[in-house]
PDB file of N, CA and C in Angstrom:
ATOM      1  N   MET A   1      71.698 106.602 197.042  1.00  0.00           N
ATOM      2  CA  MET A   1      72.910 107.864 197.416  1.00  0.00           C
ATOM      3  C   MET A   1      72.257 108.671 197.628  1.00  0.00           C
ATOM      4  N   ASP A   2      72.854 109.624 198.748  1.00  0.00           N
ATOM      5  CA  ASP A   2      72.761 111.141 199.132  1.00  0.00           C
ATOM      6  C   ASP A   2      73.040 111.721 198.368  1.00  0.00           C
ATOM      7  N   ARG A   3      72.769 113.174 198.108  1.00  0.00           N
ATOM      8  CA  ARG A   3      73.228 114.322 197.186  1.00  0.00           C
ATOM      9  C   ARG A   3      74.135 114.692 197.641  1.00  0.00           C
ATOM     10  N   ILE A   4      74.612 115.603 196.722  1.00  0.00           N
ATOM     11  CA  ILE A   4      75.850 116.760 197.121  1.00  0.00           C
ATOM     12  C   ILE A   4      75.291 117.795 197.740  1.00  0.00           C
ATOM     13  N   THR A   5      75.852 118.379 198.931  1.00  0.00           N
ATOM     14  CA  THR A   5      75.391 119.614 198.830  1.00  0.00           C
ATOM     15  C   THR A   5      76.061 120.560 198.858  1.00  0.00           C
ATOM     16  N   ASN A   6      76.323 121.821 197.875  1.00  0.00           N
ATOM     17  CA  ASN A   6      76.817 122.934 197.922  1.00  0.00           C
ATOM     18  C   ASN A   6      76.349 124.112 198.748  1.00  0.00           C
ATOM     19  N   ARG A   7      77.120 124.423 199.784  1.00  0.00           N
ATOM     20  CA  ARG A   7      76.550 126.218 200.186  1.00  0.00           C
ATOM     21  C   ARG A   7      77.765 127.095 199.825  1.00  0.00           C
ATOM     22  N   PHE A   8      77.315 127.717 199.170  1.00  0.00           N
ATOM     23  CA  PHE A   8      77.729 129.161 198.525  1.00  0.00           C
ATOM     24  C   PHE A   8      77.809 130.006 199.670  1.00  0.00           C
ATOM     25  N   LEU A   9      78.945 130.105 200.036  1.00  0.00           N
ATOM     26  CA  LEU A   9      79.905 131.272 200.933  1.00  0.00           C
ATOM     27  C   LEU A   9      79.681 132.322 200.917  1.00  0.00           C
ATOM     28  N   LEU A  10      80.469 132.617 199.552  1.00  0.00           N
ATOM     29  CA  LEU A  10      80.843 133.927 198.795  1.00  0.00           C
ATOM     30  C   LEU A  10      81.181 133.489 197.112  1.00  0.00           C
ATOM     31  N   SER A  11      80.321 134.421 196.484  1.00  0.00           N
ATOM     32  CA  SER A  11      79.798 134.568 194.977  1.00  0.00           C
ATOM     33  C   SER A  11      80.349 135.799 193.909  1.00  0.00           C
ATOM     34  N   THR A  12      81.621 136.010 193.630  1.00  0.00           N
ATOM     35  CA  THR A  12      82.030 137.382 192.893  1.00  0.00           C
ATOM     36  C   THR A  12      82.448 137.031 191.748  1.00  0.00           C
ATOM     37  N   ARG A  13      82.759 137.563 190.790  1.00  0.00           N
ATOM     38  CA  ARG A  13      83.004 137.377 189.636  1.00  0.00           C
ATOM     39  C   ARG A  13      84.528 136.674 189.157  1.00  0.00           C
ATOM     40  N   ARG A  14      85.169 136.832 190.294  1.00  0.00           N
ATOM     41  CA  ARG A  14      86.548 136.602 189.989  1.00  0.00           C
ATOM     42  C   ARG A  14      86.993 134.926 190.815  1.00  0.00           C
ATOM     43  N   LEU A  15      85.969 135.105 192.646  1.00  0.00           N
ATOM     44  CA  LEU A  15      86.285 134.579 193.212  1.00  0.00           C
ATOM     45  C   LEU A  15      84.969 134.151 193.954  1.00  0.00           C
ATOM     46  N   SER A  16      85.171 132.744 194.091  1.00  0.00           N
ATOM     47  CA  SER A  16      83.660 132.054 194.648  1.00  0.00           C
ATOM     48  C   SER A  16      84.250 131.336 196.366  1.00  0.00           C
ATOM     49  N   VAL A  17      83.974 130.949 196.947  1.00  0.00           N
ATOM     50  CA  VAL A  17      84.346 130.173 198.519  1.00  0.00           C
ATOM     51  C   VAL A  17      82.744 129.521 198.474  1.00  0.00           C
ATOM     52  N   ASN A  18      83.153 128.102 198.788  1.00  0.00           N
ATOM     53  CA  ASN A  18      82.632 126.690 199.038  1.00  0.00           C
ATOM     54  C   ASN A  18      82.426 125.824 200.145  1.00  0.00           C
ATOM     55  N   LEU A  19      81.439 125.585 200.726  1.00  0.00           N
ATOM     56  CA  LEU A  19      81.464 124.948 201.619  1.00  0.00           C
ATOM     57  C   LEU A  19      80.373 123.316 200.750  1.00  0.00           C
ATOM     58  N   VAL A  20      81.186 122.150 201.022  1.00  0.00           N
ATOM     59  CA  VAL A  20      80.879 121.213 199.754  1.00  0.00           C
ATOM     60  C   VAL A  20      80.904 119.847 200.443  1.00  0.00           C
ATOM     61  N   THR A  21      79.992 118.815 200.424  1.00  0.00           N
ATOM     62  CA  THR A  21      79.279 117.740 201.712  1.00  0.00           C
ATOM     63  C   THR A  21      79.131 116.639 200.567  1.00  0.00           C
ATOM     64  N   TYR A  22      80.309 115.548 200.342  1.00  0.00           N
ATOM     65  CA  TYR A  22      80.101 114.531 198.807  1.00  0.00           C
ATOM     66  C   TYR A  22      79.923 113.540 200.155  1.00  0.00           C
ATOM     67  N   PRO A  23      78.884 112.877 199.628  1.00  0.00           N
ATOM     68  CA  PRO A  23      78.271 111.434 200.749  1.00  0.00           C
ATOM     69  C   PRO A  23      79.393 109.793 200.400  1.00  0.00           C
ATOM     70  N   LYS A  24      78.604 109.380 201.350  1.00  0.00           N
ATOM     71  CA  LYS A  24      79.423 107.829 200.843  1.00  0.00           C
ATOM     72  C   LYS A  24      78.628 107.353 199.855  1.00  0.00           C
ATOM     73  N   GLY A  25      79.446 106.865 198.373  1.00  0.00           N
ATOM     74  CA  GLY A  25      79.138 106.530 197.139  1.00  0.00           C
ATOM     75  C   GLY A  25      79.489 107.495 196.187  1.00  0.00           C
ATOM     76  N   HIS A  26      79.749 108.563 196.682  1.00  0.00           N
ATOM     77  CA  HIS A  26      80.068 109.523 195.843  1.00  0.00           C
ATOM     78  C   HIS A  26      81.750 109.782 195.168  1.00  0.00           C
ATOM     79  N   ARG A  27      81.771 109.906 193.878  1.00  0.00           N
ATOM     80  CA  ARG A  27      82.636 110.316 193.582  1.00  0.00           C
ATOM     81  C   ARG A  27      82.844 111.842 192.266  1.00  0.00           C
ATOM     82  N   VAL A  28      84.235 111.719 192.017  1.00  0.00           N
ATOM     83  CA  VAL A  28      85.013 112.899 190.686  1.00  0.00           C
ATOM     84  C   VAL A  28      85.179 112.081 189.522  1.00  0.00           C
ATOM     85  N   ARG A  29      84.567 112.057 188.405  1.00  0.00           N
ATOM     86  CA  ARG A  29      85.395 111.271 187.516  1.00  0.00           C
ATOM     87  C   ARG A  29      86.487 112.310 187.487  1.00  0.00           C
ATOM     88  N   ARG A  30      87.380 111.818 186.614  1.00  0.00           N
ATOM     89  CA  ARG A  30      88.651 112.800 185.890  1.00  0.00           C
ATOM     90  C   ARG A  30      88.453 113.560 184.767  1.00  0.00           C
ATOM     91  N   HIS A  31      88.732 114.565 185.257  1.00  0.00           N
ATOM     92  CA  HIS A  31      87.836 116.134 184.240  1.00  0.00           C
ATOM     93  C   HIS A  31      89.101 117.390 184.495  1.00  0.00           C
ATOM     94  N   ASN A  32      88.831 117.999 183.981  1.00  0.00           N
ATOM     95  CA  ASN A  32      89.642 119.316 184.269  1.00  0.00           C
ATOM     96  C   ASN A  32      88.366 120.551 183.693  1.00  0.00           C
ATOM     97  N   ASP A  33      88.624 121.774 184.347  1.00  0.00           N
ATOM     98  CA  ASP A  33      87.790 123.313 184.184  1.00  0.00           C
ATOM     99  C   ASP A  33      88.110 123.765 183.569  1.00  0.00           C
ATOM    100  N   PRO A  34      88.137 124.235 182.017  1.00  0.00           N
ATOM    101  CA  PRO A  34      88.681 125.237 181.021  1.00  0.00           C
ATOM    102  C   PRO A  34      87.852 126.241 181.355  1.00  0.00           C
ATOM    103  N   VAL A  35      88.634 126.995 180.883  1.00  0.00           N
ATOM    104  CA  VAL A  35      87.730 128.940 181.181  1.00  0.00           C
ATOM    105  C   VAL A  35      88.482 129.126 180.136  1.00  0.00           C
ATOM    106  N   ALA A  36      87.696 130.387 179.726  1.00  0.00           N
ATOM    107  CA  ALA A  36      87.314 131.090 178.091  1.00  0.00           C
ATOM    108  C   ALA A  36      88.651 131.978 178.636  1.00  0.00           C
ATOM    109  N   ASP A  37      89.044 132.242 179.596  1.00  0.00           N
ATOM    110  CA  ASP A  37      89.824 133.377 179.145  1.00  0.00           C
ATOM    111  C   ASP A  37      91.078 133.417 180.733  1.00  0.00           C
ATOM    112  N   GLY A  38      92.157 133.899 181.191  1.00  0.00           N
ATOM    113  CA  GLY A  38      93.090 134.001 182.512  1.00  0.00           C
ATOM    114  C   GLY A  38      93.406 132.190 182.751  1.00  0.00           C
ATOM    115  N   SER A  39      93.387 132.441 184.171  1.00  0.00           N
ATOM    116  CA  SER A  39      93.778 131.698 184.810  1.00  0.00           C
ATOM    117  C   SER A  39      92.683 131.067 185.723  1.00  0.00           C
ATOM    118  N   TYR A  40      92.593 129.813 186.589  1.00  0.00           N
ATOM    119  CA  TYR A  40      91.912 129.320 186.959  1.00  0.00           C
ATOM    120  C   TYR A  40      92.225 128.295 188.196  1.00  0.00           C
ATOM    121  N   TYR A  41      92.505 129.010 189.115  1.00  0.00           N
ATOM    122  CA  TYR A  41      93.112 128.161 190.801  1.00  0.00           C
ATOM    123  C   TYR A  41      91.838 127.795 191.681  1.00  0.00           C
ATOM    124  N   LYS A  42      92.307 126.766 192.304  1.00  0.00           N
ATOM    125  CA  LYS A  42      91.506 126.292 193.379  1.00  0.00           C
ATOM    126  C   LYS A  42      92.679 125.819 194.696  1.00  0.00           C
ATOM    127  N   LEU A  43      92.214 126.397 195.819  1.00  0.00           N
ATOM    128  CA  LEU A  43      92.491 125.861 196.958  1.00  0.00           C
ATOM    129  C   LEU A  43      91.731 125.257 197.720  1.00  0.00           C
ATOM    130  N   ASN A  44      91.657 124.023 197.712  1.00  0.00           N
ATOM    131  CA  ASN A  44      90.923 123.322 198.460  1.00  0.00           C
ATOM    132  C   ASN A  44      91.341 122.623 200.381  1.00  0.00           C
ATOM    133  N   PHE A  45      90.665 122.818 200.997  1.00  0.00           N
ATOM    134  CA  PHE A  45      91.146 122.228 202.526  1.00  0.00           C
ATOM    135  C   PHE A  45      89.859 121.406 202.640  1.00  0.00           C
ATOM    136  N   VAL A  46      90.248 120.012 202.996  1.00  0.00           N
ATOM    137  CA  VAL A  46      89.415 118.862 203.606  1.00  0.00           C
ATOM    138  C   VAL A  46      89.579 119.000 204.944  1.00  0.00           C
ATOM    139  N   VAL A  47      87.714 119.570 205.264  1.00  0.00           N
ATOM    140  CA  VAL A  47      87.543 119.646 206.817  1.00  0.00           C
ATOM    141  C   VAL A  47      87.283 118.676 207.195  1.00  0.00           C
ATOM    142  N   ILE A  48      86.488 117.742 206.519  1.00  0.00           N
ATOM    143  CA  ILE A  48      86.478 116.052 207.317  1.00  0.00           C
ATOM    144  C   ILE A  48      86.244 115.280 206.053  1.00  0.00           C
ATOM    145  N   LYS A  49      87.412 114.466 206.424  1.00  0.00           N
ATOM    146  CA  LYS A  49      88.145 113.638 205.453  1.00  0.00           C
ATOM    147  C   LYS A  49      87.171 112.107 205.686  1.00  0.00           C
ATOM    148  N   PRO A  50      86.750 111.137 204.475  1.00  0.00           N
ATOM    149  CA  PRO A  50      86.296 110.136 204.622  1.00  0.00           C
ATOM    150  C   PRO A  50      87.138 108.945 205.857  1.00  0.00           C
ATOM    151  N   ALA A  51      86.476 107.910 206.260  1.00  0.00           N
ATOM    152  CA  ALA A  51      86.854 107.129 206.665  1.00  0.00           C
ATOM    153  C   ALA A  51      87.626 105.908 205.853  1.00  0.00           C
ATOM    154  N   GLU A  52      87.327 105.721 204.430  1.00  0.00           N
ATOM    155  CA  GLU A  52      87.518 105.047 203.568  1.00  0.00           C
ATOM    156  C   GLU A  52      87.231 105.964 201.610  1.00  0.00           C
ATOM    157  N   GLY A  53      88.306 106.067 201.470  1.00  0.00           N
ATOM    158  CA  GLY A  53      88.039 106.259 199.922  1.00  0.00           C
ATOM    159  C   GLY A  53      88.309 107.895 199.732  1.00  0.00           C
ATOM    160  N   GLY A  54      87.585 108.452 198.833  1.00  0.00           N
ATOM    161  CA  GLY A  54      87.386 110.009 198.996  1.00  0.00           C
ATOM    162  C   GLY A  54      88.491 110.100 198.415  1.00  0.00           C
ATOM    163  N   VAL A  55      89.710 109.973 197.803  1.00  0.00           N
ATOM    164  CA  VAL A  55      91.153 110.338 197.446  1.00  0.00           C
ATOM    165  C   VAL A  55      91.370 111.651 196.417  1.00  0.00           C
ATOM    166  N   PHE A  56      91.841 112.354 196.324  1.00  0.00           N
ATOM    167  CA  PHE A  56      91.853 113.505 195.490  1.00  0.00           C
ATOM    168  C   PHE A  56      93.165 113.164 194.681  1.00  0.00           C
ATOM    169  N   GLU A  57      92.804 113.614 193.325  1.00  0.00           N
ATOM    170  CA  GLU A  57      94.185 113.324 192.638  1.00  0.00           C
ATOM    171  C   GLU A  57      94.438 114.302 191.241  1.00  0.00           C
ATOM    172  N   THR A  58      95.534 114.826 191.211  1.00  0.00           N
ATOM    173  CA  THR A  58      95.302 115.641 190.224  1.00  0.00           C
ATOM    174  C   THR A  58      96.610 115.406 189.474  1.00  0.00           C
ATOM    175  N   ASP A  59      96.774 115.526 188.343  1.00  0.00           N
ATOM    176  CA  ASP A  59      98.582 115.623 187.208  1.00  0.00           C
ATOM    177  C   ASP A  59      99.079 116.375 188.326  1.00  0.00           C
ATOM    178  N   ARG A  60      98.735 117.230 189.051  1.00  0.00           N
ATOM    179  CA  ARG A  60     100.442 117.903 189.433  1.00  0.00           C
ATOM    180  C   ARG A  60      99.511 119.631 190.349  1.00  0.00           C
ATOM    181  N   ALA A  61      99.704 119.505 191.395  1.00  0.00           N
ATOM    182  CA  ALA A  61      99.387 120.516 192.422  1.00  0.00           C
ATOM    183  C   ALA A  61     100.660 121.543 192.387  1.00  0.00           C
ATOM    184  N   ILE A  62     100.001 122.339 192.949  1.00  0.00           N
ATOM    185  CA  ILE A  62     101.211 123.535 193.159  1.00  0.00           C
ATOM    186  C   ILE A  62     101.475 123.317 194.388  1.00  0.00           C
ATOM    187  N   PHE A  63     100.337 123.089 195.227  1.00  0.00           N
ATOM    188  CA  PHE A  63     101.470 122.791 196.929  1.00  0.00           C
ATOM    189  C   PHE A  63     100.150 121.872 197.099  1.00  0.00           C
ATOM    190  N   SER A  64     100.322 120.933 198.379  1.00  0.00           N
ATOM    191  CA  SER A  64      99.497 120.208 198.421  1.00  0.00           C
ATOM    192  C   SER A  64     100.744 119.814 200.352  1.00  0.00           C
ATOM    193  N   LEU A  65      99.416 119.908 201.472  1.00  0.00           N
ATOM    194  CA  LEU A  65      99.927 119.973 202.456  1.00  0.00           C
ATOM    195  C   LEU A  65      98.968 118.161 202.805  1.00  0.00           C
ATOM    196  N   PHE A  66      99.218 117.107 203.002  1.00  0.00           N
ATOM    197  CA  PHE A  66      99.136 115.662 203.591  1.00  0.00           C
ATOM    198  C   PHE A  66      97.577 115.492 202.979  1.00  0.00           C
ATOM    199  N   ASN A  67      97.070 116.123 201.451  1.00  0.00           N
ATOM    200  CA  ASN A  67      96.179 116.084 200.885  1.00  0.00           C
ATOM    201  C   ASN A  67      95.225 116.383 201.397  1.00  0.00           C
ATOM    202  N   ARG A  68      95.182 117.354 202.317  1.00  0.00           N
ATOM    203  CA  ARG A  68      93.859 117.604 202.604  1.00  0.00           C
ATOM    204  C   ARG A  68      94.222 119.175 202.503  1.00  0.00           C
ATOM    205  N   VAL A  69      95.248 119.961 202.756  1.00  0.00           N
ATOM    206  CA  VAL A  69      95.514 121.335 201.729  1.00  0.00           C
ATOM    207  C   VAL A  69      96.190 121.290 200.531  1.00  0.00           C
ATOM    208  N   VAL A  70      95.243 121.762 199.367  1.00  0.00           N
ATOM    209  CA  VAL A  70      95.656 121.157 198.101  1.00  0.00           C
ATOM    210  C   VAL A  70      95.684 122.779 197.057  1.00  0.00           C
ATOM    211  N   LEU A  71      96.394 123.216 196.062  1.00  0.00           N
ATOM    212  CA  LEU A  71      96.248 124.354 195.826  1.00  0.00           C
ATOM    213  C   LEU A  71      96.503 124.424 194.177  1.00  0.00           C
ATOM    214  N   PHE A  72      96.020 123.890 193.257  1.00  0.00           N
ATOM    215  CA  PHE A  72      95.995 123.487 191.906  1.00  0.00           C
ATOM    216  C   PHE A  72      95.629 124.215 190.343  1.00  0.00           C
ATOM    217  N   ARG A  73      94.834 123.715 189.272  1.00  0.00           N
ATOM    218  CA  ARG A  73      94.865 124.422 188.627  1.00  0.00           C
ATOM    219  C   ARG A  73      93.867 123.794 187.597  1.00  0.00           C
ATOM    220  N   PRO A  74      92.354 123.918 187.843  1.00  0.00           N
ATOM    221  CA  PRO A  74      91.776 123.189 187.681  1.00  0.00           C
ATOM    222  C   PRO A  74      91.544 123.041 185.794  1.00  0.00           C
ATOM    223  N   ASP A  75      91.770 124.092 185.276  1.00  0.00           N
ATOM    224  CA  ASP A  75      91.879 125.034 184.046  1.00  0.00           C
ATOM    225  C   ASP A  75      92.835 123.767 183.283  1.00  0.00           C
ATOM    226  N   LEU A  76      94.577 123.266 183.782  1.00  0.00           N
ATOM    227  CA  LEU A  76      95.134 122.872 183.348  1.00  0.00           C
ATOM    228  C   LEU A  76      95.398 121.635 183.628  1.00  0.00           C
ATOM    229  N   TYR A  77      94.790 120.997 184.660  1.00  0.00           N
ATOM    230  CA  TYR A  77      95.284 119.697 185.202  1.00  0.00           C
ATOM    231  C   TYR A  77      94.268 118.762 185.212  1.00  0.00           C
ATOM    232  N   ASP A  78      94.363 117.691 184.654  1.00  0.00           N
ATOM    233  CA  ASP A  78      92.722 116.743 185.488  1.00  0.00           C
ATOM    234  C   ASP A  78      92.883 116.543 186.280  1.00  0.00           C
ATOM    235  N   HIS A  79      91.686 116.171 187.291  1.00  0.00           N
ATOM    236  CA  HIS A  79      91.656 115.683 188.571  1.00  0.00           C
ATOM    237  C   HIS A  79      90.716 115.083 188.755  1.00  0.00           C
ATOM    238  N   SER A  80      90.505 114.112 190.346  1.00  0.00           N
ATOM    239  CA  SER A  80      89.380 113.470 190.511  1.00  0.00           C
ATOM    240  C   SER A  80      89.426 113.034 191.698  1.00  0.00           C
ATOM    241  N   VAL A  81      88.143 112.643 191.919  1.00  0.00           N
ATOM    242  CA  VAL A  81      88.519 112.196 193.605  1.00  0.00           C
ATOM    243  C   VAL A  81      87.985 110.587 193.483  1.00  0.00           C
ATOM    244  N   SER A  82      88.522 109.616 194.088  1.00  0.00           N
ATOM    245  CA  SER A  82      88.273 108.248 194.441  1.00  0.00           C
ATOM    246  C   SER A  82      86.478 107.809 195.067  1.00  0.00           C
ATOM    247  N   THR A  83      85.839 107.042 194.772  1.00  0.00           N
ATOM    248  CA  THR A  83      84.745 106.532 195.321  1.00  0.00           C
ATOM    249  C   THR A  83      84.614 106.856 196.828  1.00  0.00           C
ATOM    250  N   ILE A  84      83.920 107.749 197.733  1.00  0.00           N
ATOM    251  CA  ILE A  84      84.133 107.290 199.067  1.00  0.00           C
ATOM    252  C   ILE A  84      83.211 106.413 199.320  1.00  0.00           C
ATOM    253  N   LYS A  85      83.927 105.142 200.693  1.00  0.00           N
ATOM    254  CA  LYS A  85      83.109 103.601 201.100  1.00  0.00           C
ATOM    255  C   LYS A  85      82.840 104.217 202.053  1.00  0.00           C
ATOM    256  N   ARG A  86      83.064 104.727 203.151  1.00  0.00           N
ATOM    257  CA  ARG A  86      82.531 104.730 204.306  1.00  0.00           C
ATOM    258  C   ARG A  86      82.637 106.247 205.007  1.00  0.00           C
ATOM    259  N   GLY A  87      82.206 107.285 205.765  1.00  0.00           N
ATOM    260  CA  GLY A  87      81.908 108.678 205.806  1.00  0.00           C
ATOM    261  C   GLY A  87      81.535 109.276 204.236  1.00  0.00           C
ATOM    262  N   LYS A  88      82.059 110.407 205.099  1.00  0.00           N
ATOM    263  CA  LYS A  88      81.538 111.679 203.599  1.00  0.00           C
ATOM    264  C   LYS A  88      83.313 112.569 203.529  1.00  0.00           C
ATOM    265  N   ARG A  89      83.028 113.336 203.037  1.00  0.00           N
ATOM    266  CA  ARG A  89      83.841 114.182 202.528  1.00  0.00           C
ATOM    267  C   ARG A  89      83.520 115.790 202.166  1.00  0.00           C
ATOM    268  N   VAL A  90      84.238 116.887 203.477  1.00  0.00           N
ATOM    269  CA  VAL A  90      83.313 117.968 203.677  1.00  0.00           C
ATOM    270  C   VAL A  90      84.735 118.855 202.985  1.00  0.00           C
ATOM    271  N   LEU A  91      84.462 119.442 201.557  1.00  0.00           N
ATOM    272  CA  LEU A  91      85.548 120.450 201.684  1.00  0.00           C
ATOM    273  C   LEU A  91      85.325 121.699 201.517  1.00  0.00           C
ATOM    274  N   LEU A  92      86.429 122.731 201.984  1.00  0.00           N
ATOM    275  CA  LEU A  92      85.889 124.486 201.855  1.00  0.00           C
ATOM    276  C   LEU A  92      87.120 124.864 200.653  1.00  0.00           C
ATOM    277  N   SER A  93      86.004 125.083 199.701  1.00  0.00           N
ATOM    278  CA  SER A  93      87.023 125.276 198.416  1.00  0.00           C
ATOM    279  C   SER A  93      87.038 126.944 198.180  1.00  0.00           C
ATOM    280  N   ILE A  94      88.169 127.696 197.701  1.00  0.00           N
ATOM    281  CA  ILE A  94      88.277 128.388 197.206  1.00  0.00           C
ATOM    282  C   ILE A  94      88.730 128.563 195.915  1.00  0.00           C
ATOM    283  N   ALA A  95      88.253 129.234 195.445  1.00  0.00           N
ATOM    284  CA  ALA A  95      88.084 129.059 193.801  1.00  0.00           C
ATOM    285  C   ALA A  95      88.743 130.690 193.135  1.00  0.00           C
ATOM    286  N   LEU A  96      89.757 131.063 192.228  1.00  0.00           N
ATOM    287  CA  LEU A  96      89.677 132.418 191.741  1.00  0.00           C
ATOM    288  C   LEU A  96      89.819 132.563 190.417  1.00  0.00           C
ATOM    289  N   HIS A  97      89.484 132.852 190.003  1.00  0.00           N
ATOM    290  CA  HIS A  97      89.202 133.088 188.058  1.00  0.00           C
ATOM    291  C   HIS A  97      90.433 134.580 187.765  1.00  0.00           C
ATOM    292  N   ALA A  98      91.301 134.516 187.616  1.00  0.00           N
ATOM    293  CA  ALA A  98      92.290 135.581 187.801  1.00  0.00           C
ATOM    294  C   ALA A  98      92.149 135.714 186.302  1.00  0.00           C
ATOM    295  N   PRO A  99      92.566 137.392 186.088  1.00  0.00           N
ATOM    296  CA  PRO A  99      92.314 137.788 184.412  1.00  0.00           C
ATOM    297  C   PRO A  99      93.719 137.747 183.887  1.00  0.00           C
ATOM    298  N   TRP A 100      94.490 137.608 184.406  1.00  0.00           N
ATOM    299  CA  TRP A 100      95.946 137.395 183.858  1.00  0.00           C
ATOM    300  C   TRP A 100      96.416 135.942 183.678  1.00  0.00           C
ATOM    301  N   GLY A 101      97.151 135.559 182.216  1.00  0.00           N
ATOM    302  CA  GLY A 101      97.177 134.819 181.986  1.00  0.00           C
ATOM    303  C   GLY A 101      96.233 134.071 180.967  1.00  0.00           C
ATOM    304  N   SER A 102      96.470 132.686 180.620  1.00  0.00           N
ATOM    305  CA  SER A 102      95.449 131.911 179.972  1.00  0.00           C
ATOM    306  C   SER A 102      96.144 130.735 179.873  1.00  0.00           C
ATOM    307  N   ALA A 103      94.732 129.343 179.660  1.00  0.00           N
ATOM    308  CA  ALA A 103      94.886 128.398 179.744  1.00  0.00           C
ATOM    309  C   ALA A 103      96.085 127.947 179.417  1.00  0.00           C
ATOM    310  N   ASP A 104      96.012 128.397 178.374  1.00  0.00           N
ATOM    311  CA  ASP A 104      97.429 127.216 177.584  1.00  0.00           C
ATOM    312  C   ASP A 104      98.663 127.505 177.930  1.00  0.00           C
ATOM    313  N   GLN A 105      98.466 128.515 179.513  1.00  0.00           N
ATOM    314  CA  GLN A 105     100.267 129.328 179.871  1.00  0.00           C
ATOM    315  C   GLN A 105     100.983 128.092 181.404  1.00  0.00           C
ATOM    316  N   GLN A 106     101.765 128.122 181.281  1.00  0.00           N
ATOM    317  CA  GLN A 106     101.238 127.433 182.932  1.00  0.00           C
ATOM    318  C   GLN A 106     102.248 128.054 183.888  1.00  0.00           C
TER     319      GLN A 106
END
C-alpha cells in the first residue's frame, strides 16, 4: 500500500492548511481529535474523489455540501473514512484551533 502524503501549505499556532493524498487501500478508523483547551474546527474540501470507497462519515457536521465540502468539529464528534477501493482521495483541509469554548461545549 502506498503512503499518505501530507503537504503543509500553512502552519501557525491556531491555523493549518494541508493538502493530503490518501492512496488506494487506505482508510481512517473512527476516532475524534481531542484538544486540551478551546475548540477545534475542520473545513475539508475533497479535491479528488476516489472512484470507489473513501467515504467520509461523521456523527455530526456543521455544514456538508455533497460530502465534498464539510465543516465539522473533530474534537467533539467521531469521524472516519471508508477504505479506498479504487483511485485516490485528495483533500484540502483547513483546521482552526479556536481559543474560545471548550471540548465539552457544543
